[in-house]
Protein backbone atom coordinates (compact mmCIF):
# COMPACT_ATOMS: atom_id res chain seq x y z
CA MET A 1 0.17 -0.06 0.00
CA ALA A 2 1.43 3.35 -0.86
CA GLY A 3 0.06 6.94 -0.03
CA ASP A 4 1.95 10.20 0.14
CA GLY A 5 2.10 13.54 2.73
CA THR A 6 0.83 15.78 0.23
CA THR A 7 -1.74 18.51 0.58
CA ASP A 8 -4.27 19.44 -2.30
CA GLY A 9 -2.13 20.55 -5.22
CA GLN A 10 1.31 20.00 -4.03
CA GLU A 11 3.66 17.83 -6.08
CA PRO A 12 4.41 14.77 -4.31
CA LEU A 13 8.17 14.77 -2.86
CA VAL A 14 7.25 12.33 -0.13
CA ARG A 15 6.05 8.67 -0.13
CA VAL A 16 4.74 6.40 2.55
CA MET A 17 4.75 2.94 1.47
CA ARG A 18 3.48 0.33 4.26
CA ASP A 19 3.86 -3.30 4.07
CA GLY A 20 2.07 -4.73 7.24
CA ALA A 21 3.20 -3.04 10.40
CA VAL A 22 6.17 -1.26 8.86
CA ALA A 23 5.69 2.14 7.33
CA THR A 24 8.38 3.34 5.01
CA VAL A 25 8.72 6.92 4.51
CA VAL A 26 10.46 7.93 1.28
CA LEU A 27 12.03 11.37 0.54
CA ASP A 28 11.24 11.33 -3.15
CA ARG A 29 13.06 14.14 -4.94
CA ALA A 30 15.90 12.41 -6.40
CA GLU A 31 16.61 15.08 -8.97
CA GLY A 32 17.28 17.70 -6.24
CA MET A 33 19.05 15.01 -3.96
CA ASN A 34 15.89 15.20 -1.65
CA ALA A 35 16.59 18.62 -0.60
CA LEU A 36 14.39 20.15 1.47
CA THR A 37 11.94 22.84 0.16
CA THR A 38 8.99 24.22 2.02
CA ALA A 39 6.51 21.82 0.31
CA ALA A 40 8.95 18.73 0.99
CA LYS A 41 9.26 19.87 4.78
CA GLU A 42 5.52 20.23 4.93
CA GLN A 43 5.04 16.87 3.21
CA LEU A 44 7.60 14.97 5.55
CA LEU A 45 6.32 16.29 8.70
CA ALA A 46 2.43 15.22 7.57
CA ALA A 47 3.96 11.92 6.68
CA LEU A 48 5.84 11.24 9.97
CA THR A 49 3.18 12.54 12.10
CA GLY A 50 0.63 10.27 10.22
CA VAL A 51 2.31 7.38 11.01
CA ALA A 52 3.35 8.36 14.35
CA ALA A 53 -0.47 8.37 14.99
CA ASP A 54 -1.03 4.89 13.39
CA ASP A 55 -1.45 2.42 15.97
CA ALA A 56 -1.42 -0.15 13.02
CA VAL A 57 2.42 1.02 12.23
CA ARG A 58 4.46 -0.37 14.80
CA CYS A 59 7.91 0.40 12.90
CA VAL A 60 9.18 3.27 10.81
CA VAL A 61 11.65 3.07 8.01
CA LEU A 62 12.83 6.62 6.83
CA THR A 63 14.50 6.69 3.47
CA GLY A 64 15.54 8.47 0.14
CA THR A 65 15.71 7.93 -3.63
CA GLY A 66 18.44 8.31 -5.76
CA ARG A 67 22.12 8.97 -4.58
CA ALA A 68 20.83 10.99 -1.77
CA PHE A 69 19.11 10.31 1.68
CA CYS A 70 18.75 13.98 1.88
CA VAL A 71 21.34 16.98 1.83
CA GLY A 72 19.23 19.12 3.91
CA GLN A 73 17.71 22.68 3.40
CA ASP A 74 17.27 23.40 -0.57
CA LEU A 75 19.61 26.39 -1.25
CA ARG A 76 18.11 27.41 -4.14
CA GLU A 77 14.83 28.27 -2.14
CA HIS A 78 16.90 29.56 0.53
CA ALA A 79 18.91 32.00 -1.55
CA GLU A 80 15.80 33.67 -3.35
CA VAL A 81 14.13 34.28 0.48
CA LEU A 82 17.25 35.45 1.60
CA ALA A 83 17.85 37.93 -1.58
CA ALA A 84 13.76 38.74 -1.17
CA GLY A 85 15.35 40.23 2.25
CA ASP A 86 12.57 38.74 4.30
CA VAL A 87 14.50 37.53 7.26
CA ASP A 88 11.88 36.57 9.62
CA ALA A 89 10.51 34.16 6.88
CA LEU A 90 13.59 32.79 6.17
CA TRP A 91 14.33 31.45 9.66
CA ARG A 92 10.61 30.49 10.72
CA THR A 93 11.54 27.55 8.73
CA VAL A 94 13.20 26.12 11.93
CA PRO A 95 10.50 26.21 14.77
CA GLU A 96 7.91 25.77 12.19
CA HIS A 97 9.45 22.96 10.29
CA TYR A 98 12.76 21.51 11.33
CA ASN A 99 12.31 21.58 14.71
CA PRO A 100 8.81 19.39 14.70
CA LEU A 101 10.36 17.06 12.18
CA ALA A 102 13.33 16.10 14.86
CA LEU A 103 10.86 16.04 17.69
CA THR A 104 8.33 13.76 15.81
CA LEU A 105 11.02 11.29 14.62
CA ALA A 106 12.47 11.15 18.36
CA THR A 107 9.15 10.81 20.34
CA MET A 108 6.89 8.75 18.38
CA PRO A 109 5.77 5.75 20.26
CA LYS A 110 7.46 3.18 18.06
CA PRO A 111 11.16 2.26 16.43
CA VAL A 112 12.59 4.65 13.74
CA VAL A 113 15.14 3.16 11.43
CA ALA A 114 16.95 5.31 8.81
CA ALA A 115 18.06 3.55 5.92
CA VAL A 116 20.80 5.95 4.51
CA ASN A 117 20.91 5.28 1.01
CA GLY A 118 23.19 7.83 -0.10
CA VAL A 119 24.65 11.40 1.26
CA ALA A 120 23.08 12.94 4.56
CA ALA A 121 23.82 16.46 4.85
CA GLY A 122 23.38 19.16 7.10
CA ALA A 123 19.57 18.56 8.28
CA GLY A 124 19.37 15.65 6.48
CA ALA A 125 22.24 14.16 8.63
CA SER A 126 20.62 15.33 11.61
CA LEU A 127 16.79 13.83 10.70
CA ALA A 128 19.03 10.42 10.43
CA MET A 129 20.57 10.76 13.86
CA ALA A 130 17.19 11.28 15.17
CA CYS A 131 16.14 7.90 14.31
CA ASP A 132 16.86 5.09 16.55
CA LEU A 133 19.20 3.09 14.21
CA ARG A 134 21.00 3.87 10.87
CA LEU A 135 21.45 1.37 8.57
CA VAL A 136 24.14 2.76 6.33
CA ALA A 137 24.57 2.22 2.33
CA ARG A 138 28.26 1.55 1.85
CA GLY A 139 28.42 4.12 -0.65
CA ALA A 140 26.96 6.60 1.44
CA GLY A 141 28.22 9.22 4.17
CA PHE A 142 27.42 12.16 6.42
CA ASN A 143 28.47 15.57 6.32
CA LEU A 144 27.36 18.40 8.98
CA ALA A 145 27.71 21.12 6.57
CA PHE A 146 26.29 23.87 8.39
CA THR A 147 29.49 26.32 9.22
CA ALA A 148 30.43 25.54 5.63
CA ILE A 149 27.61 28.09 4.81
CA GLY A 150 28.45 30.23 7.88
CA LEU A 151 25.39 28.94 9.88
CA SER A 152 24.98 27.32 13.16
CA ALA A 153 23.57 24.18 13.39
CA ASP A 154 19.92 22.64 13.84
CA THR A 155 17.38 20.01 13.66
CA GLY A 156 19.13 18.31 16.95
CA SER A 157 22.03 17.84 15.51
CA THR A 158 24.41 19.41 18.15
CA PHE A 159 22.36 17.22 20.58
CA TRP A 160 22.34 13.75 18.68
CA LEU A 161 25.73 14.19 17.13
CA GLN A 162 27.62 14.49 20.82
CA ARG A 163 25.87 11.72 22.48
CA LEU A 164 26.71 9.35 19.53
CA VAL A 165 30.16 10.03 18.89
CA GLY A 166 31.43 12.30 21.90
CA ALA A 167 31.61 15.74 22.38
CA GLY A 168 34.86 16.40 20.95
CA ARG A 169 34.53 14.79 17.62
CA ALA A 170 31.09 16.37 17.57
CA LEU A 171 32.97 19.85 18.13
CA ASP A 172 35.34 18.55 14.85
CA LEU A 173 32.92 17.72 12.45
CA LEU A 174 30.68 20.73 13.12
CA LEU A 175 33.51 23.00 13.15
CA ARG A 176 35.58 21.38 10.20
CA PRO A 177 32.71 19.53 8.24
CA ARG A 178 33.81 16.99 5.94
CA THR A 179 31.87 13.84 4.56
CA VAL A 180 32.13 10.93 7.04
CA ARG A 181 31.96 7.87 4.74
CA ALA A 182 29.94 4.76 6.01
CA GLN A 183 32.94 2.51 7.29
CA GLU A 184 34.17 5.46 9.23
CA ALA A 185 30.68 6.46 10.43
CA LEU A 186 30.43 2.87 11.92
CA GLU A 187 33.86 3.02 13.56
CA ILE A 188 33.05 6.05 15.66
CA GLY A 189 29.17 5.14 16.51
CA LEU A 190 27.44 7.26 13.73
CA ALA A 191 26.11 4.20 11.52
CA THR A 192 24.19 0.98 13.36
CA GLU A 193 25.12 -1.17 10.51
CA VAL A 194 26.73 -0.65 7.11
CA VAL A 195 25.04 -2.19 3.97
CA ALA A 196 26.24 -3.11 0.55
CA ASP A 197 24.09 -0.24 -1.45
CA GLU A 198 22.01 -3.13 -3.19
CA GLU A 199 21.27 -4.80 -0.09
CA LEU A 200 20.08 -1.62 1.79
CA PRO A 201 16.27 -1.93 1.30
CA GLU A 202 15.91 -5.65 1.92
CA ARG A 203 17.97 -5.07 4.91
CA ALA A 204 16.30 -2.38 6.10
CA ALA A 205 12.87 -4.02 5.51
CA ALA A 206 13.81 -7.31 7.41
CA VAL A 207 15.16 -5.00 10.68
CA ALA A 208 11.99 -2.97 10.40
CA ALA A 209 9.82 -6.31 10.41
CA GLY A 210 11.93 -7.92 13.58
CA LEU A 211 11.15 -4.55 15.22
CA ALA A 212 7.30 -4.21 14.61
CA GLU A 213 7.24 -8.05 15.67
CA GLY A 214 8.51 -6.66 19.04
CA PRO A 215 7.05 -5.27 22.03
CA THR A 216 6.33 -1.50 20.76
CA LEU A 217 4.94 -0.41 24.10
CA ALA A 218 8.24 -1.29 25.72
CA TYR A 219 9.99 0.06 22.67
CA ALA A 220 8.09 3.60 23.27
CA ALA A 221 9.14 3.47 27.10
CA VAL A 222 12.55 2.54 26.22
CA ARG A 223 13.01 5.57 23.59
CA ARG A 224 10.98 8.19 26.23
CA ALA A 225 13.68 7.02 28.93
CA VAL A 226 16.72 7.19 26.78
CA LEU A 227 15.57 10.55 25.67
CA PHE A 228 14.64 11.90 29.27
CA SER A 229 17.75 10.36 30.94
CA ALA A 230 20.04 12.72 28.18
CA THR A 231 18.96 15.67 29.96
CA HIS A 232 18.22 14.69 33.59
CA ASP A 233 20.26 13.25 36.49
CA LEU A 234 20.23 10.03 38.00
CA PRO A 235 17.78 10.59 40.41
CA ALA A 236 15.33 11.82 38.06
CA SER A 237 16.02 9.10 35.57
CA LEU A 238 15.44 6.46 38.05
CA GLU A 239 12.04 7.77 39.13
CA HIS A 240 11.01 8.13 35.64
CA GLU A 241 12.34 4.71 34.83
CA ALA A 242 10.06 3.23 37.91
CA GLY A 243 7.09 4.89 36.08
CA LEU A 244 7.57 3.70 32.87
CA MET A 245 8.47 0.14 34.47
CA ALA A 246 5.23 0.19 36.46
CA SER A 247 3.21 1.25 33.15
CA THR A 248 4.89 -1.43 30.60
CA GLY A 249 4.51 -4.15 33.61
CA SER A 250 0.58 -3.55 33.66
CA THR A 251 -0.06 -4.32 29.94
CA ARG A 252 -1.15 -7.68 28.37
CA ASP A 253 2.05 -7.88 26.37
CA HIS A 254 4.26 -8.11 29.74
CA ALA A 255 1.88 -10.76 31.14
CA ASP A 256 2.05 -13.07 27.90
CA ALA A 257 5.33 -12.60 27.43
CA VAL A 258 6.03 -13.99 30.99
CA ARG A 259 3.76 -16.94 30.28
CA SER A 260 5.46 -17.48 27.06
CA PHE A 261 8.95 -17.45 28.80
CA LEU A 262 7.77 -20.12 31.76
CA ALA A 263 6.29 -22.32 29.03
CA LYS A 264 9.65 -21.65 26.60
CA GLU A 265 7.47 -20.68 23.67
CA LYS A 266 8.45 -17.36 21.79
CA PRO A 267 6.18 -14.67 22.84
CA VAL A 268 3.77 -12.79 20.51
CA PHE A 269 3.32 -9.01 20.97
CA HIS A 270 0.09 -7.08 20.02
CA ALA A 271 0.70 -3.54 21.71
CA ARG A 272 -1.70 -3.80 24.54
């Protein structure tokens, strides 16, 4: 089943494909290396919001078409707005588009897998980092290109990058942007797994299918706990964990899984 995140009259720049409990959100602007125009950002946010709210979707894959995953902001559109002198309009896109995109990816109550099919640059790299797992094609790479055009960083890149690769390396990659190829990304913790280019779609589908069969409510709680603990001290994190333990411990999935464990059977999770 396929759909898109378009609104009436817009060219479809984002597609949503469904296979069972897995929804794959595809940036589909290959000729522009999946650069994010205003329309693309709006469609992507609509698509992600839709799959996040759909209880039938238990895992989400984010990927691109062509030779790029996403190269971030469309600089042609950006230059046009810059030339028009409407500075307020130029930077409204951060709170109106980029911040909600990062938050939606990071907080939806189900796992999110980035299938990085090509270069992920600027906000494109940030979107991949906001996902739980990054399966990276061997020919792909990451570039935190913000300072190369005289800008700071957005879309959560300063939050995620230092947690993945350490503060010192994060500063190096942000201050001296370069393309981090797939193998290096794996070695420094930016990639979860490196896959042959031609095998990426199949591998991403397999990983997502496995997650979609898992304990979705527990996954959602773990995502919340990790995000909470990133910005809170140990006592607060322990208290937060305790609340989530009580919540997941009262689910049917937990009770059924315990019975299955004692019966030496594989548990079946229903997200309830």
